[in-house]
Every structure is written in C-alpha cells, then in structure tokens.
Amino acid sequence: MKFKKKIKSRVKEFREELGLTQQELANRVGVSRQTIYYLEKGNYNPSLTLSFKIAEILNKPLIETFYRVPIIKDKIESLSFKKLKEISKKVGISYNKLGSITEMNEKELSEAFDEEILRKIANLLELDFNELFIN
C-alpha cells in the first residue's frame, strides 16, 4: 500500500535559527510576508524556484528545508491527546501504537497497520481512505 504524501518544511525553524523575521525572509526571496506565513503553516507549496531561493538564503540543503511525509502522519501529528485517545479506543489499538505513526517510515507503517485498521483510522479522521492512500 502506497501512502499519499504532503510537502512539509522546516522554514520557520531555520528562519528563527538565523534570527530572521518573516518579513526579512520575504524581502530576501522577493515574496510577501503572507507567503512566508502560509508556507510555514503548511498552507502553501512554493514553486521549485522559490524553494531553492529559500533554502539558499537559509543556508540549508533543499532536502532538509522541504521534505515529504505521508499525509496520515501529518494528520496524526496535528491531533490533540484527547482525540488520539478517542481514535485509538475506537480502532482497538493502543494509544502508543497510534501515536507511533508519527515516528514510522512508510515501510514500517505498512508493516505495523493492516488496511482494515488504516481504513478505520482514516474514517475517524473524517477523511476518505483515498485521500490518504494510493490504491
């Protein structure tokens, strides 16, 4: 089973390490502060050209600045403790096992959870299974 992936970034972390504000970074790469804000929130995927500019200004490799993670990991990471507990109980797996999704690579995810469990998790995340996985 293949997982659909989302582009994530470490722009905020690297920007803050350099002591740059969103506006300063935006000025250096030639975009608006709002573009940097949305990029850091995960609501904007920059062009390849912009990605290279940002990585260069942050003095980090592109692959460290922007990376891909399975969507299910991103969704699980954004859940509250209470919601994780609720989902783990309804699915019939331990809270620790559900939470461990965020630490697993794609192969480990496929080995640790069968399709039925993943379908239940997707359903409880109020997502269509096909939004998280490539058939």
C-alpha atoms as a PDB file:
ATOM      1  CA  MET A   1       0.000   0.000   0.000  1.00  0.00           C
ATOM      2  CA  LYS A   2       1.366   3.402  -1.003  1.00  0.00           C
ATOM      3  CA  PHE A   3       0.806   6.481   1.103  1.00  0.00           C
ATOM      4  CA  LYS A   4      -0.026   9.842  -0.420  1.00  0.00           C
ATOM      5  CA  LYS A   5       2.431  12.442   0.773  1.00  0.00           C
ATOM      6  CA  LYS A   6       2.383  16.076   1.741  1.00  0.00           C
ATOM      7  CA  ILE A   7       5.185  18.590   1.388  1.00  0.00           C
ATOM      8  CA  LYS A   8       6.314  19.991   4.731  1.00  0.00           C
ATOM      9  CA  SER A   9       9.006  22.492   5.528  1.00  0.00           C
ATOM     10  CA  ARG A  10      11.414  23.492   8.254  1.00  0.00           C
ATOM     11  CA  VAL A  11      11.463  27.097   7.031  1.00  0.00           C
ATOM     12  CA  LYS A  12      10.225  28.544  10.323  1.00  0.00           C
ATOM     13  CA  GLU A  13      12.764  26.600  12.372  1.00  0.00           C
ATOM     14  CA  PHE A  14      15.667  27.559  10.092  1.00  0.00           C
ATOM     15  CA  ARG A  15      14.493  31.182   9.756  1.00  0.00           C
ATOM     16  CA  GLU A  16      14.331  31.554  13.533  1.00  0.00           C
ATOM     17  CA  GLU A  17      17.797  29.971  13.919  1.00  0.00           C
ATOM     18  CA  LEU A  18      19.129  32.820  11.767  1.00  0.00           C
ATOM     19  CA  GLY A  19      17.137  35.424  13.709  1.00  0.00           C
ATOM     20  CA  LEU A  20      15.183  36.472  10.626  1.00  0.00           C
ATOM     21  CA  THR A  21      11.602  37.712  10.744  1.00  0.00           C
ATOM     22  CA  GLN A  22       9.062  36.512   8.207  1.00  0.00           C
ATOM     23  CA  GLN A  23       9.259  39.945   6.582  1.00  0.00           C
ATOM     24  CA  GLU A  24      13.050  39.833   6.306  1.00  0.00           C
ATOM     25  CA  LEU A  25      12.970  36.402   4.671  1.00  0.00           C
ATOM     26  CA  ALA A  26      10.163  37.503   2.373  1.00  0.00           C
ATOM     27  CA  ASN A  27      12.155  40.566   1.298  1.00  0.00           C
ATOM     28  CA  ARG A  28      15.234  38.471   0.564  1.00  0.00           C
ATOM     29  CA  VAL A  29      13.354  35.973  -1.624  1.00  0.00           C
ATOM     30  CA  GLY A  30      11.037  38.527  -3.231  1.00  0.00           C
ATOM     31  CA  VAL A  31       7.637  37.456  -1.909  1.00  0.00           C
ATOM     32  CA  SER A  32       5.121  38.856   0.562  1.00  0.00           C
ATOM     33  CA  ARG A  33       5.318  38.179   4.295  1.00  0.00           C
ATOM     34  CA  GLN A  34       1.963  36.416   3.947  1.00  0.00           C
ATOM     35  CA  THR A  35       3.539  33.932   1.532  1.00  0.00           C
ATOM     36  CA  ILE A  36       6.138  33.019   4.164  1.00  0.00           C
ATOM     37  CA  TYR A  37       3.423  32.834   6.825  1.00  0.00           C
ATOM     38  CA  TYR A  38       1.289  30.419   4.764  1.00  0.00           C
ATOM     39  CA  LEU A  39       4.334  28.376   3.776  1.00  0.00           C
ATOM     40  CA  GLU A  40       5.316  27.963   7.433  1.00  0.00           C
ATOM     41  CA  LYS A  41       1.748  26.982   8.348  1.00  0.00           C
ATOM     42  CA  GLY A  42       1.753  24.308   5.630  1.00  0.00           C
ATOM     43  CA  ASN A  43      -0.932  26.035   3.574  1.00  0.00           C
ATOM     44  CA  TYR A  44       1.272  26.921   0.609  1.00  0.00           C
ATOM     45  CA  ASN A  45       3.606  24.877  -1.550  1.00  0.00           C
ATOM     46  CA  PRO A  46       6.227  27.121  -3.127  1.00  0.00           C
ATOM     47  CA  SER A  47       7.475  26.755  -6.677  1.00  0.00           C
ATOM     48  CA  LEU A  48      10.722  24.931  -7.183  1.00  0.00           C
ATOM     49  CA  THR A  49      12.458  28.240  -7.932  1.00  0.00           C
ATOM     50  CA  LEU A  50      11.196  29.791  -4.689  1.00  0.00           C
ATOM     51  CA  SER A  51      12.122  26.638  -2.751  1.00  0.00           C
ATOM     52  CA  PHE A  52      15.704  26.864  -3.987  1.00  0.00           C
ATOM     53  CA  LYS A  53      15.893  30.579  -3.114  1.00  0.00           C
ATOM     54  CA  ILE A  54      14.605  29.970   0.401  1.00  0.00           C
ATOM     55  CA  ALA A  55      16.970  27.046   1.018  1.00  0.00           C
ATOM     56  CA  GLU A  56      19.899  29.108  -0.255  1.00  0.00           C
ATOM     57  CA  ILE A  57      19.073  32.083   1.990  1.00  0.00           C
ATOM     58  CA  LEU A  58      18.599  29.787   4.972  1.00  0.00           C
ATOM     59  CA  ASN A  59      21.917  28.144   4.059  1.00  0.00           C
ATOM     60  CA  LYS A  60      20.392  24.671   4.217  1.00  0.00           C
ATOM     61  CA  PRO A  61      20.091  21.877   1.653  1.00  0.00           C
ATOM     62  CA  LEU A  62      16.778  21.841  -0.207  1.00  0.00           C
ATOM     63  CA  ILE A  63      16.020  18.303   1.021  1.00  0.00           C
ATOM     64  CA  GLU A  64      16.348  19.448   4.651  1.00  0.00           C
ATOM     65  CA  THR A  65      14.289  22.574   4.111  1.00  0.00           C
ATOM     66  CA  PHE A  66      11.438  20.860   2.257  1.00  0.00           C
ATOM     67  CA  TYR A  67      10.510  17.208   2.632  1.00  0.00           C
ATOM     68  CA  ARG A  68       7.586  14.864   2.105  1.00  0.00           C
ATOM     69  CA  VAL A  69       5.692  12.871   4.718  1.00  0.00           C
ATOM     70  CA  PRO A  70       2.739  10.538   4.425  1.00  0.00           C
ATOM     71  CA  ILE A  71      -0.463  12.544   4.896  1.00  0.00           C
ATOM     72  CA  ILE A  72      -1.600  10.191   7.652  1.00  0.00           C
ATOM     73  CA  LYS A  73       1.496  11.114   9.717  1.00  0.00           C
ATOM     74  CA  ASP A  74       0.750  14.797   9.250  1.00  0.00           C
ATOM     75  CA  LYS A  75      -2.875  14.296  10.321  1.00  0.00           C
ATOM     76  CA  ILE A  76      -1.932  12.262  13.401  1.00  0.00           C
ATOM     77  CA  GLU A  77       0.701  14.841  14.451  1.00  0.00           C
ATOM     78  CA  SER A  78      -1.944  17.576  14.445  1.00  0.00           C
ATOM     79  CA  LEU A  79      -4.314  15.750  16.812  1.00  0.00           C
ATOM     80  CA  SER A  80      -4.778  16.542  20.479  1.00  0.00           C
ATOM     81  CA  PHE A  81      -4.022  13.955  23.147  1.00  0.00           C
ATOM     82  CA  LYS A  82      -7.766  13.586  23.767  1.00  0.00           C
ATOM     83  CA  LYS A  83      -8.536  12.941  20.081  1.00  0.00           C
ATOM     84  CA  LEU A  84      -5.703  10.412  19.793  1.00  0.00           C
ATOM     85  CA  LYS A  85      -7.043   8.544  22.833  1.00  0.00           C
ATOM     86  CA  GLU A  86     -10.554   8.564  21.358  1.00  0.00           C
ATOM     87  CA  ILE A  87      -9.407   7.230  17.979  1.00  0.00           C
ATOM     88  CA  SER A  88      -7.169   4.539  19.487  1.00  0.00           C
ATOM     89  CA  LYS A  89     -10.061   3.281  21.623  1.00  0.00           C
ATOM     90  CA  LYS A  90     -12.490   3.179  18.681  1.00  0.00           C
ATOM     91  CA  VAL A  91      -9.975   1.451  16.418  1.00  0.00           C
ATOM     92  CA  GLY A  92      -8.948  -1.037  19.094  1.00  0.00           C
ATOM     93  CA  ILE A  93      -5.242  -0.260  19.228  1.00  0.00           C
ATOM     94  CA  SER A  94      -3.168   1.257  21.991  1.00  0.00           C
ATOM     95  CA  TYR A  95      -2.657   4.995  22.207  1.00  0.00           C
ATOM     96  CA  ASN A  96       1.112   4.405  21.997  1.00  0.00           C
ATOM     97  CA  LYS A  97       0.793   2.400  18.792  1.00  0.00           C
ATOM     98  CA  LEU A  98      -1.393   5.062  17.184  1.00  0.00           C
ATOM     99  CA  GLY A  99       0.964   7.815  18.285  1.00  0.00           C
ATOM    100  CA  SER A 100       3.952   5.877  16.963  1.00  0.00           C
ATOM    101  CA  ILE A 101       2.690   6.521  13.421  1.00  0.00           C
ATOM    102  CA  THR A 102       4.461   9.883  13.573  1.00  0.00           C
ATOM    103  CA  GLU A 103       7.822   8.139  14.097  1.00  0.00           C
ATOM    104  CA  MET A 104       7.468   5.452  11.420  1.00  0.00           C
ATOM    105  CA  ASN A 105       8.705   5.473   7.876  1.00  0.00           C
ATOM    106  CA  GLU A 106       6.459   4.313   5.035  1.00  0.00           C
ATOM    107  CA  LYS A 107       7.627   0.684   5.181  1.00  0.00           C
ATOM    108  CA  GLU A 108       7.132   0.491   8.949  1.00  0.00           C
ATOM    109  CA  LEU A 109       3.643   1.973   8.598  1.00  0.00           C
ATOM    110  CA  SER A 110       2.679  -0.663   6.056  1.00  0.00           C
ATOM    111  CA  GLU A 111       4.005  -3.442   8.265  1.00  0.00           C
ATOM    112  CA  ALA A 112       2.514  -2.167  11.532  1.00  0.00           C
ATOM    113  CA  PHE A 113      -1.051  -1.493  10.339  1.00  0.00           C
ATOM    114  CA  ASP A 114      -3.204  -3.578   8.040  1.00  0.00           C
ATOM    115  CA  GLU A 115      -5.569  -1.975   5.557  1.00  0.00           C
ATOM    116  CA  GLU A 116      -8.631  -2.505   7.762  1.00  0.00           C
ATOM    117  CA  ILE A 117      -7.073  -0.569  10.673  1.00  0.00           C
ATOM    118  CA  LEU A 118      -5.884   2.182   8.338  1.00  0.00           C
ATOM    119  CA  ARG A 119      -9.385   2.473   6.863  1.00  0.00           C
ATOM    120  CA  LYS A 120     -10.818   2.835  10.372  1.00  0.00           C
ATOM    121  CA  ILE A 121      -8.242   5.487  11.246  1.00  0.00           C
ATOM    122  CA  ALA A 122      -8.995   7.395   8.017  1.00  0.00           C
ATOM    123  CA  ASN A 123     -12.710   7.229   8.771  1.00  0.00           C
ATOM    124  CA  LEU A 124     -12.222   8.553  12.312  1.00  0.00           C
ATOM    125  CA  LEU A 125     -10.052  11.342  10.922  1.00  0.00           C
ATOM    126  CA  GLU A 126     -13.128  12.126   8.804  1.00  0.00           C
ATOM    127  CA  LEU A 127     -11.167  11.503   5.632  1.00  0.00           C
ATOM    128  CA  ASP A 128     -11.829   9.308   2.650  1.00  0.00           C
ATOM    129  CA  PHE A 129      -9.344   6.432   2.582  1.00  0.00           C
ATOM    130  CA  ASN A 130      -8.327   7.508  -0.930  1.00  0.00           C
ATOM    131  CA  GLU A 131      -7.251  10.925   0.404  1.00  0.00           C
ATOM    132  CA  LEU A 132      -4.528   9.221   2.452  1.00  0.00           C
ATOM    133  CA  PHE A 133      -3.534   6.265   0.298  1.00  0.00           C
ATOM    134  CA  ILE A 134      -2.836   5.456  -3.322  1.00  0.00           C
ATOM    135  CA  ASN A 135      -4.695   2.302  -4.346  1.00  0.00           C
END
